[in-house]
Amino acid sequence: MACIKNEIPFQGTKEQEEQLLKVINQFRDDKGCLMPIMQEAQNIYGYLPIEVQTMISDALGVPLEKVYGVSTFYSQFSLTPKGKHTVSVCLGTACYVKGSGDIYNKLMEVLGIVGGECTPDGMFSLEACRCVGACGLAPVMIVDDDVHGRVTVDDVEKIIDNYREV
């Protein structure tokens, strides 16, 4: 599964499309149905590619520009697929002062992607975040739900390698 930005082939299935149409039919008469439908669509597909946005637009009779606008305005929506493992680095003040910027840069080097992208093998997504509430463990790197504290640049490859095998 290739999932680098702008190189993402849409791989939706007929079953996913049927599931989405069922959700649309369930919510279509509710006022303010666009957001709940988009949330369910993202649950079904894992992200909101333009093909899914177009299905929503067509089914609801809503301009595609509106669907796209909502999907790019709210940070809960993703236009690109996520990897099997999501890697986040806290760039909040405490972590940044203790070197999280260098950790983030090392992750981009090790994974071969920039923030917001997914590795070509679909294993890792990389993102930056602001304050995860673990300032005493700064700098902090999170992989899925695992918090890694007091991370150094030298720790990055070892941490990532532990998830390559999972």
N, C-alpha and C. Protein backbone atom coordinates (compact mmCIF):
# COMPACT_ATOMS: atom_id res chain seq x y z
N MET A 1 0.84 -1.18 0.00
CA MET A 1 0.00 0.00 0.00
C MET A 1 0.87 1.23 0.00
N ALA A 2 0.93 1.93 -1.09
CA ALA A 2 1.71 3.16 -1.17
C ALA A 2 0.88 4.28 -0.59
N CYS A 3 1.49 5.09 0.25
CA CYS A 3 0.71 6.19 0.81
C CYS A 3 1.54 7.43 1.04
N ILE A 4 2.34 7.80 0.06
CA ILE A 4 3.02 9.08 0.09
C ILE A 4 2.07 10.09 -0.56
N LYS A 5 2.04 11.31 -0.04
CA LYS A 5 1.16 12.32 -0.59
C LYS A 5 1.33 12.41 -2.10
N ASN A 6 0.22 12.65 -2.78
CA ASN A 6 0.17 12.81 -4.23
C ASN A 6 0.51 11.54 -5.00
N GLU A 7 0.77 10.44 -4.35
CA GLU A 7 1.04 9.18 -5.02
C GLU A 7 0.13 8.09 -4.45
N ILE A 8 -1.05 8.50 -4.01
CA ILE A 8 -1.92 7.58 -3.29
C ILE A 8 -2.98 7.04 -4.22
N PRO A 9 -2.85 5.78 -4.62
CA PRO A 9 -3.94 5.21 -5.42
C PRO A 9 -5.13 4.88 -4.51
N PHE A 10 -6.30 5.25 -4.96
CA PHE A 10 -7.50 4.95 -4.17
C PHE A 10 -7.79 3.47 -4.29
N GLN A 11 -7.96 2.81 -3.15
CA GLN A 11 -8.18 1.37 -3.15
C GLN A 11 -9.46 0.99 -2.41
N GLY A 12 -10.47 1.83 -2.56
CA GLY A 12 -11.74 1.53 -1.91
C GLY A 12 -12.41 0.31 -2.52
N THR A 13 -13.14 -0.40 -1.70
CA THR A 13 -13.83 -1.61 -2.16
C THR A 13 -15.32 -1.34 -2.33
N LYS A 14 -15.97 -2.22 -3.02
CA LYS A 14 -17.42 -2.13 -3.21
C LYS A 14 -18.13 -2.22 -1.86
N GLU A 15 -17.59 -3.06 -0.96
CA GLU A 15 -18.18 -3.19 0.38
C GLU A 15 -18.09 -1.88 1.15
N GLN A 16 -16.95 -1.19 1.04
CA GLN A 16 -16.80 0.10 1.72
C GLN A 16 -17.79 1.11 1.15
N GLU A 17 -17.93 1.12 -0.17
CA GLU A 17 -18.86 2.05 -0.79
C GLU A 17 -20.29 1.78 -0.33
N GLU A 18 -20.67 0.53 -0.26
CA GLU A 18 -22.02 0.17 0.21
C GLU A 18 -22.22 0.60 1.66
N GLN A 19 -21.17 0.42 2.47
CA GLN A 19 -21.23 0.84 3.88
C GLN A 19 -21.41 2.35 3.96
N LEU A 20 -20.66 3.09 3.15
CA LEU A 20 -20.78 4.55 3.14
C LEU A 20 -22.17 4.99 2.71
N LEU A 21 -22.69 4.40 1.66
CA LEU A 21 -24.03 4.77 1.19
C LEU A 21 -25.10 4.48 2.24
N LYS A 22 -24.91 3.41 3.00
CA LYS A 22 -25.84 3.09 4.09
C LYS A 22 -25.80 4.18 5.16
N VAL A 23 -24.58 4.65 5.49
CA VAL A 23 -24.43 5.72 6.49
C VAL A 23 -25.08 7.01 5.97
N ILE A 24 -24.82 7.33 4.71
CA ILE A 24 -25.41 8.53 4.12
C ILE A 24 -26.93 8.47 4.19
N ASN A 25 -27.49 7.34 3.83
CA ASN A 25 -28.95 7.20 3.87
C ASN A 25 -29.48 7.29 5.29
N GLN A 26 -28.70 6.83 6.26
CA GLN A 26 -29.11 6.88 7.67
C GLN A 26 -29.17 8.32 8.17
N PHE A 27 -28.21 9.17 7.75
CA PHE A 27 -28.10 10.52 8.30
C PHE A 27 -28.62 11.63 7.39
N ARG A 28 -28.90 11.32 6.13
CA ARG A 28 -29.15 12.37 5.14
C ARG A 28 -30.25 13.37 5.53
N ASP A 29 -31.25 12.96 6.28
CA ASP A 29 -32.35 13.86 6.63
C ASP A 29 -32.08 14.65 7.92
N ASP A 30 -30.97 14.37 8.58
CA ASP A 30 -30.64 15.10 9.81
C ASP A 30 -30.00 16.43 9.47
N LYS A 31 -30.42 17.47 10.16
CA LYS A 31 -29.78 18.78 9.99
C LYS A 31 -28.33 18.66 10.46
N GLY A 32 -27.41 19.20 9.70
CA GLY A 32 -26.00 19.13 10.07
C GLY A 32 -25.40 17.74 9.89
N CYS A 33 -25.89 17.00 8.89
CA CYS A 33 -25.46 15.61 8.72
C CYS A 33 -24.07 15.47 8.10
N LEU A 34 -23.54 16.52 7.50
CA LEU A 34 -22.28 16.39 6.77
C LEU A 34 -21.13 15.90 7.65
N MET A 35 -20.93 16.52 8.80
CA MET A 35 -19.82 16.13 9.69
C MET A 35 -19.94 14.68 10.16
N PRO A 36 -21.10 14.25 10.67
CA PRO A 36 -21.20 12.85 11.10
C PRO A 36 -20.96 11.87 9.94
N ILE A 37 -21.43 12.20 8.77
CA ILE A 37 -21.21 11.33 7.61
C ILE A 37 -19.72 11.28 7.28
N MET A 38 -19.06 12.42 7.31
CA MET A 38 -17.63 12.45 7.01
C MET A 38 -16.84 11.68 8.06
N GLN A 39 -17.24 11.78 9.32
CA GLN A 39 -16.56 11.03 10.38
C GLN A 39 -16.72 9.53 10.15
N GLU A 40 -17.92 9.10 9.80
CA GLU A 40 -18.15 7.68 9.53
C GLU A 40 -17.39 7.24 8.28
N ALA A 41 -17.34 8.11 7.27
CA ALA A 41 -16.60 7.78 6.05
C ALA A 41 -15.12 7.57 6.37
N GLN A 42 -14.58 8.43 7.22
CA GLN A 42 -13.18 8.27 7.62
C GLN A 42 -12.98 6.98 8.41
N ASN A 43 -13.95 6.61 9.23
CA ASN A 43 -13.86 5.33 9.94
C ASN A 43 -13.87 4.15 8.97
N ILE A 44 -14.64 4.27 7.92
CA ILE A 44 -14.75 3.19 6.93
C ILE A 44 -13.47 3.07 6.10
N TYR A 45 -12.97 4.20 5.60
CA TYR A 45 -11.83 4.19 4.68
C TYR A 45 -10.49 4.45 5.35
N GLY A 46 -10.51 5.02 6.55
CA GLY A 46 -9.27 5.35 7.24
C GLY A 46 -8.78 6.75 6.94
N TYR A 47 -9.36 7.38 5.93
CA TYR A 47 -9.04 8.75 5.54
C TYR A 47 -10.11 9.21 4.57
N LEU A 48 -10.01 10.46 4.09
CA LEU A 48 -11.03 11.00 3.19
C LEU A 48 -10.42 11.40 1.84
N PRO A 49 -10.13 10.44 1.00
CA PRO A 49 -9.60 10.78 -0.32
C PRO A 49 -10.67 11.50 -1.14
N ILE A 50 -10.26 12.17 -2.21
CA ILE A 50 -11.19 12.93 -3.02
C ILE A 50 -12.31 12.05 -3.58
N GLU A 51 -12.03 10.79 -3.83
CA GLU A 51 -13.06 9.89 -4.34
C GLU A 51 -14.20 9.71 -3.32
N VAL A 52 -13.85 9.64 -2.05
CA VAL A 52 -14.87 9.49 -1.00
C VAL A 52 -15.61 10.81 -0.82
N GLN A 53 -14.88 11.91 -0.86
CA GLN A 53 -15.53 13.22 -0.76
C GLN A 53 -16.53 13.41 -1.90
N THR A 54 -16.17 12.95 -3.08
CA THR A 54 -17.05 13.06 -4.24
C THR A 54 -18.30 12.21 -4.05
N MET A 55 -18.14 11.01 -3.50
CA MET A 55 -19.31 10.16 -3.23
C MET A 55 -20.27 10.87 -2.27
N ILE A 56 -19.71 11.47 -1.23
CA ILE A 56 -20.54 12.18 -0.24
C ILE A 56 -21.23 13.36 -0.90
N SER A 57 -20.47 14.13 -1.66
CA SER A 57 -21.01 15.29 -2.36
C SER A 57 -22.16 14.90 -3.28
N ASP A 58 -21.94 13.89 -4.09
CA ASP A 58 -22.97 13.45 -5.04
C ASP A 58 -24.21 12.93 -4.33
N ALA A 59 -24.01 12.12 -3.30
CA ALA A 59 -25.14 11.51 -2.61
C ALA A 59 -25.99 12.53 -1.86
N LEU A 60 -25.34 13.57 -1.32
CA LEU A 60 -26.07 14.58 -0.55
C LEU A 60 -26.51 15.77 -1.40
N GLY A 61 -25.95 15.88 -2.61
CA GLY A 61 -26.25 17.06 -3.42
C GLY A 61 -25.61 18.31 -2.86
N VAL A 62 -24.47 18.12 -2.18
CA VAL A 62 -23.72 19.22 -1.59
C VAL A 62 -22.51 19.48 -2.49
N PRO A 63 -22.16 20.74 -2.74
CA PRO A 63 -21.00 21.00 -3.58
C PRO A 63 -19.73 20.34 -3.03
N LEU A 64 -18.93 19.77 -3.91
CA LEU A 64 -17.68 19.14 -3.51
C LEU A 64 -16.79 20.12 -2.76
N GLU A 65 -16.84 21.38 -3.14
CA GLU A 65 -16.02 22.41 -2.47
C GLU A 65 -16.36 22.51 -0.99
N LYS A 66 -17.62 22.32 -0.65
CA LYS A 66 -18.04 22.37 0.76
C LYS A 66 -17.48 21.17 1.52
N VAL A 67 -17.59 19.98 0.92
CA VAL A 67 -17.07 18.77 1.58
C VAL A 67 -15.56 18.90 1.76
N TYR A 68 -14.88 19.34 0.71
CA TYR A 68 -13.42 19.53 0.78
C TYR A 68 -13.06 20.58 1.83
N GLY A 69 -13.83 21.66 1.87
CA GLY A 69 -13.58 22.72 2.85
C GLY A 69 -13.67 22.22 4.28
N VAL A 70 -14.68 21.41 4.55
CA VAL A 70 -14.84 20.84 5.89
C VAL A 70 -13.68 19.88 6.19
N SER A 71 -13.32 19.07 5.20
CA SER A 71 -12.27 18.06 5.43
C SER A 71 -10.90 18.69 5.64
N THR A 72 -10.67 19.88 5.09
CA THR A 72 -9.37 20.53 5.28
C THR A 72 -9.38 21.50 6.47
N PHE A 73 -10.56 21.94 6.89
CA PHE A 73 -10.64 22.87 8.02
C PHE A 73 -10.45 22.17 9.36
N TYR A 74 -11.07 21.02 9.53
CA TYR A 74 -11.04 20.32 10.81
C TYR A 74 -9.88 19.33 10.85
N SER A 75 -9.06 19.45 11.89
CA SER A 75 -7.85 18.61 11.99
C SER A 75 -8.16 17.14 12.23
N GLN A 76 -9.38 16.81 12.61
CA GLN A 76 -9.73 15.40 12.83
C GLN A 76 -9.79 14.61 11.52
N PHE A 77 -9.91 15.33 10.41
CA PHE A 77 -10.00 14.67 9.12
C PHE A 77 -8.63 14.59 8.46
N SER A 78 -8.39 13.48 7.77
CA SER A 78 -7.13 13.28 7.08
C SER A 78 -7.40 13.00 5.61
N LEU A 79 -6.65 13.66 4.74
CA LEU A 79 -6.78 13.44 3.30
C LEU A 79 -5.82 12.37 2.82
N THR A 80 -4.97 11.90 3.71
CA THR A 80 -4.01 10.85 3.35
C THR A 80 -4.17 9.69 4.32
N PRO A 81 -3.87 8.49 3.85
CA PRO A 81 -4.00 7.34 4.74
C PRO A 81 -2.96 7.37 5.85
N LYS A 82 -3.27 6.72 6.92
CA LYS A 82 -2.35 6.60 8.04
C LYS A 82 -1.65 5.26 7.97
N GLY A 83 -0.43 5.22 8.49
CA GLY A 83 0.32 3.97 8.53
C GLY A 83 -0.20 3.05 9.62
N LYS A 84 0.32 1.85 9.62
CA LYS A 84 -0.04 0.88 10.66
C LYS A 84 0.32 1.44 12.03
N HIS A 85 1.44 2.18 12.10
CA HIS A 85 1.88 2.81 13.35
C HIS A 85 1.95 4.31 13.15
N THR A 86 1.36 5.06 14.07
CA THR A 86 1.42 6.51 14.03
C THR A 86 2.49 6.97 15.01
N VAL A 87 3.45 7.73 14.49
CA VAL A 87 4.55 8.25 15.29
C VAL A 87 4.33 9.75 15.46
N SER A 88 4.26 10.21 16.70
CA SER A 88 4.09 11.62 17.00
C SER A 88 5.25 12.09 17.86
N VAL A 89 5.68 13.30 17.60
CA VAL A 89 6.70 13.92 18.43
C VAL A 89 6.12 15.19 19.01
N CYS A 90 6.22 15.34 20.31
CA CYS A 90 5.74 16.55 20.97
C CYS A 90 6.71 17.69 20.67
N LEU A 91 6.18 18.75 20.10
CA LEU A 91 6.98 19.94 19.84
C LEU A 91 6.55 21.10 20.74
N GLY A 92 5.91 20.74 21.85
CA GLY A 92 5.56 21.76 22.84
C GLY A 92 6.83 22.32 23.47
N THR A 93 6.70 23.39 24.20
CA THR A 93 7.87 24.12 24.71
C THR A 93 8.84 23.25 25.49
N ALA A 94 8.37 22.52 26.49
CA ALA A 94 9.29 21.72 27.32
C ALA A 94 10.04 20.69 26.48
N CYS A 95 9.33 20.01 25.60
CA CYS A 95 9.97 18.99 24.76
C CYS A 95 10.90 19.63 23.74
N TYR A 96 10.47 20.73 23.16
CA TYR A 96 11.28 21.37 22.13
C TYR A 96 12.61 21.87 22.71
N VAL A 97 12.53 22.47 23.90
CA VAL A 97 13.75 22.98 24.55
C VAL A 97 14.72 21.83 24.83
N LYS A 98 14.17 20.64 25.07
CA LYS A 98 15.03 19.49 25.37
C LYS A 98 15.38 18.65 24.14
N GLY A 99 15.09 19.17 22.93
CA GLY A 99 15.60 18.53 21.72
C GLY A 99 14.61 17.77 20.86
N SER A 100 13.31 17.98 21.05
CA SER A 100 12.36 17.22 20.24
C SER A 100 12.41 17.59 18.76
N GLY A 101 12.82 18.81 18.46
CA GLY A 101 12.98 19.20 17.05
C GLY A 101 14.01 18.33 16.35
N ASP A 102 15.10 18.03 17.03
CA ASP A 102 16.14 17.15 16.47
C ASP A 102 15.61 15.72 16.32
N ILE A 103 14.79 15.29 17.26
CA ILE A 103 14.20 13.95 17.20
C ILE A 103 13.26 13.86 15.99
N TYR A 104 12.47 14.89 15.80
CA TYR A 104 11.56 14.94 14.65
C TYR A 104 12.34 14.89 13.33
N ASN A 105 13.40 15.66 13.26
CA ASN A 105 14.25 15.65 12.06
C ASN A 105 14.87 14.27 11.83
N LYS A 106 15.30 13.61 12.89
CA LYS A 106 15.88 12.27 12.77
C LYS A 106 14.82 11.28 12.28
N LEU A 107 13.61 11.41 12.78
CA LEU A 107 12.53 10.53 12.33
C LEU A 107 12.25 10.71 10.84
N MET A 108 12.27 11.96 10.37
CA MET A 108 12.06 12.20 8.94
C MET A 108 13.17 11.52 8.13
N GLU A 109 14.38 11.59 8.64
CA GLU A 109 15.51 10.94 7.96
C GLU A 109 15.36 9.42 7.97
N VAL A 110 15.08 8.85 9.13
CA VAL A 110 14.97 7.39 9.28
C VAL A 110 13.80 6.83 8.48
N LEU A 111 12.67 7.51 8.52
CA LEU A 111 11.47 7.01 7.84
C LEU A 111 11.42 7.41 6.36
N GLY A 112 12.19 8.43 5.99
CA GLY A 112 12.20 8.87 4.60
C GLY A 112 10.95 9.63 4.19
N ILE A 113 10.29 10.24 5.16
CA ILE A 113 9.07 11.02 4.89
C ILE A 113 9.11 12.31 5.69
N VAL A 114 8.20 13.22 5.38
CA VAL A 114 8.04 14.43 6.18
C VAL A 114 6.75 14.30 6.98
N GLY A 115 6.58 15.21 7.91
CA GLY A 115 5.37 15.18 8.73
C GLY A 115 4.11 15.20 7.90
N GLY A 116 3.13 14.42 8.32
CA GLY A 116 1.87 14.33 7.61
C GLY A 116 1.85 13.25 6.55
N GLU A 117 2.99 12.61 6.32
CA GLU A 117 3.05 11.57 5.30
C GLU A 117 3.11 10.19 5.92
N CYS A 118 3.02 9.21 5.05
CA CYS A 118 3.06 7.80 5.43
C CYS A 118 4.16 7.14 4.62
N THR A 119 4.88 6.21 5.22
CA THR A 119 5.95 5.52 4.50
C THR A 119 5.36 4.70 3.35
N PRO A 120 6.12 4.50 2.29
CA PRO A 120 5.60 3.77 1.13
C PRO A 120 5.11 2.36 1.45
N ASP A 121 5.66 1.74 2.49
CA ASP A 121 5.21 0.39 2.85
C ASP A 121 3.96 0.40 3.74
N GLY A 122 3.47 1.59 4.08
CA GLY A 122 2.27 1.71 4.89
C GLY A 122 2.47 1.42 6.37
N MET A 123 3.72 1.32 6.81
CA MET A 123 3.99 0.98 8.21
C MET A 123 3.90 2.17 9.16
N PHE A 124 4.40 3.35 8.74
CA PHE A 124 4.50 4.48 9.67
C PHE A 124 3.93 5.76 9.09
N SER A 125 3.22 6.50 9.93
CA SER A 125 2.82 7.88 9.65
C SER A 125 3.57 8.74 10.65
N LEU A 126 3.93 9.94 10.23
CA LEU A 126 4.67 10.84 11.12
C LEU A 126 3.89 12.13 11.29
N GLU A 127 3.79 12.57 12.53
CA GLU A 127 3.14 13.85 12.80
C GLU A 127 3.77 14.53 14.00
N ALA A 128 3.61 15.82 14.03
CA ALA A 128 4.05 16.61 15.18
C ALA A 128 2.81 16.94 16.01
N CYS A 129 2.99 17.10 17.30
CA CYS A 129 1.87 17.49 18.14
C CYS A 129 2.37 18.51 19.15
N ARG A 130 1.45 19.12 19.84
CA ARG A 130 1.78 20.12 20.85
C ARG A 130 1.36 19.61 22.21
N CYS A 131 2.23 19.62 23.14
CA CYS A 131 2.04 19.24 24.53
C CYS A 131 1.10 18.05 24.75
N VAL A 132 1.70 16.96 25.13
CA VAL A 132 0.93 15.75 25.43
C VAL A 132 0.76 15.58 26.94
N GLY A 133 1.21 16.56 27.70
CA GLY A 133 1.02 16.52 29.15
C GLY A 133 2.02 15.63 29.88
N ALA A 134 3.15 15.37 29.23
CA ALA A 134 4.18 14.55 29.86
C ALA A 134 5.49 15.33 29.92
N CYS A 135 5.39 16.59 30.32
CA CYS A 135 6.55 17.49 30.32
C CYS A 135 7.70 16.98 31.17
N GLY A 136 7.41 16.25 32.21
CA GLY A 136 8.45 15.69 33.07
C GLY A 136 9.26 14.61 32.38
N LEU A 137 8.75 14.09 31.27
CA LEU A 137 9.45 13.06 30.50
C LEU A 137 10.09 13.63 29.24
N ALA A 138 10.08 14.95 29.09
CA ALA A 138 10.56 15.60 27.86
C ALA A 138 12.00 15.21 27.53
N PRO A 139 12.24 15.06 26.23
CA PRO A 139 11.33 15.11 25.09
C PRO A 139 10.59 13.79 24.89
N VAL A 140 9.36 13.91 24.38
CA VAL A 140 8.47 12.76 24.28
C VAL A 140 8.17 12.43 22.82
N MET A 141 8.20 11.13 22.55
CA MET A 141 7.82 10.59 21.25
C MET A 141 6.76 9.53 21.53
N ILE A 142 5.69 9.53 20.76
CA ILE A 142 4.61 8.57 20.97
C ILE A 142 4.47 7.72 19.71
N VAL A 143 4.43 6.41 19.90
CA VAL A 143 4.16 5.50 18.80
C VAL A 143 2.88 4.76 19.17
N ASP A 144 1.85 4.97 18.36
CA ASP A 144 0.52 4.46 18.66
C ASP A 144 0.11 4.97 20.03
N ASP A 145 -0.06 4.11 21.03
CA ASP A 145 -0.42 4.56 22.37
C ASP A 145 0.75 4.47 23.35
N ASP A 146 1.94 4.17 22.84
CA ASP A 146 3.12 4.00 23.69
C ASP A 146 3.90 5.31 23.79
N VAL A 147 4.04 5.80 25.02
CA VAL A 147 4.79 7.04 25.25
C VAL A 147 6.24 6.69 25.56
N HIS A 148 7.13 7.29 24.80
CA HIS A 148 8.57 7.11 25.02
C HIS A 148 9.11 8.44 25.53
N GLY A 149 9.62 8.43 26.76
CA GLY A 149 10.10 9.66 27.37
C GLY A 149 11.62 9.74 27.41
N ARG A 150 12.08 10.99 27.56
CA ARG A 150 13.51 11.29 27.62
C ARG A 150 14.26 10.69 26.42
N VAL A 151 13.64 10.80 25.26
CA VAL A 151 14.19 10.25 24.03
C VAL A 151 15.35 11.11 23.55
N THR A 152 16.37 10.45 23.05
CA THR A 152 17.49 11.16 22.42
C THR A 152 17.49 10.80 20.94
N VAL A 153 18.22 11.56 20.16
CA VAL A 153 18.35 11.27 18.73
C VAL A 153 18.88 9.86 18.52
N ASP A 154 19.78 9.44 19.39
CA ASP A 154 20.36 8.10 19.27
C ASP A 154 19.35 6.98 19.56
N ASP A 155 18.24 7.29 20.23
CA ASP A 155 17.21 6.29 20.54
C ASP A 155 16.24 6.05 19.39
N VAL A 156 16.16 6.99 18.48
CA VAL A 156 15.10 6.98 17.46
C VAL A 156 15.08 5.69 16.63
N GLU A 157 16.19 5.31 16.06
CA GLU A 157 16.20 4.12 15.19
C GLU A 157 15.82 2.85 15.95
N LYS A 158 16.30 2.73 17.17
CA LYS A 158 15.98 1.55 17.97
C LYS A 158 14.48 1.49 18.27
N ILE A 159 13.90 2.62 18.61
CA ILE A 159 12.46 2.66 18.90
C ILE A 159 11.67 2.26 17.65
N ILE A 160 12.02 2.85 16.53
CA ILE A 160 11.32 2.55 15.27
C ILE A 160 11.49 1.07 14.91
N ASP A 161 12.70 0.55 15.06
CA ASP A 161 12.95 -0.86 14.73
C ASP A 161 12.08 -1.81 15.55
N ASN A 162 11.76 -1.44 16.79
CA ASN A 162 10.88 -2.27 17.62
C ASN A 162 9.48 -2.40 17.03
N TYR A 163 9.06 -1.40 16.26
CA TYR A 163 7.71 -1.42 15.68
C TYR A 163 7.73 -2.00 14.26
N ARG A 164 8.87 -2.09 13.64
CA ARG A 164 8.95 -2.70 12.30
C ARG A 164 8.60 -4.17 12.39
N GLU A 165 8.90 -4.78 13.54
CA GLU A 165 8.68 -6.22 13.71
C GLU A 165 7.27 -6.54 14.16
N VAL A 166 6.53 -5.52 14.57
CA VAL A 166 5.17 -5.74 15.11
C VAL A 166 4.15 -5.72 14.01
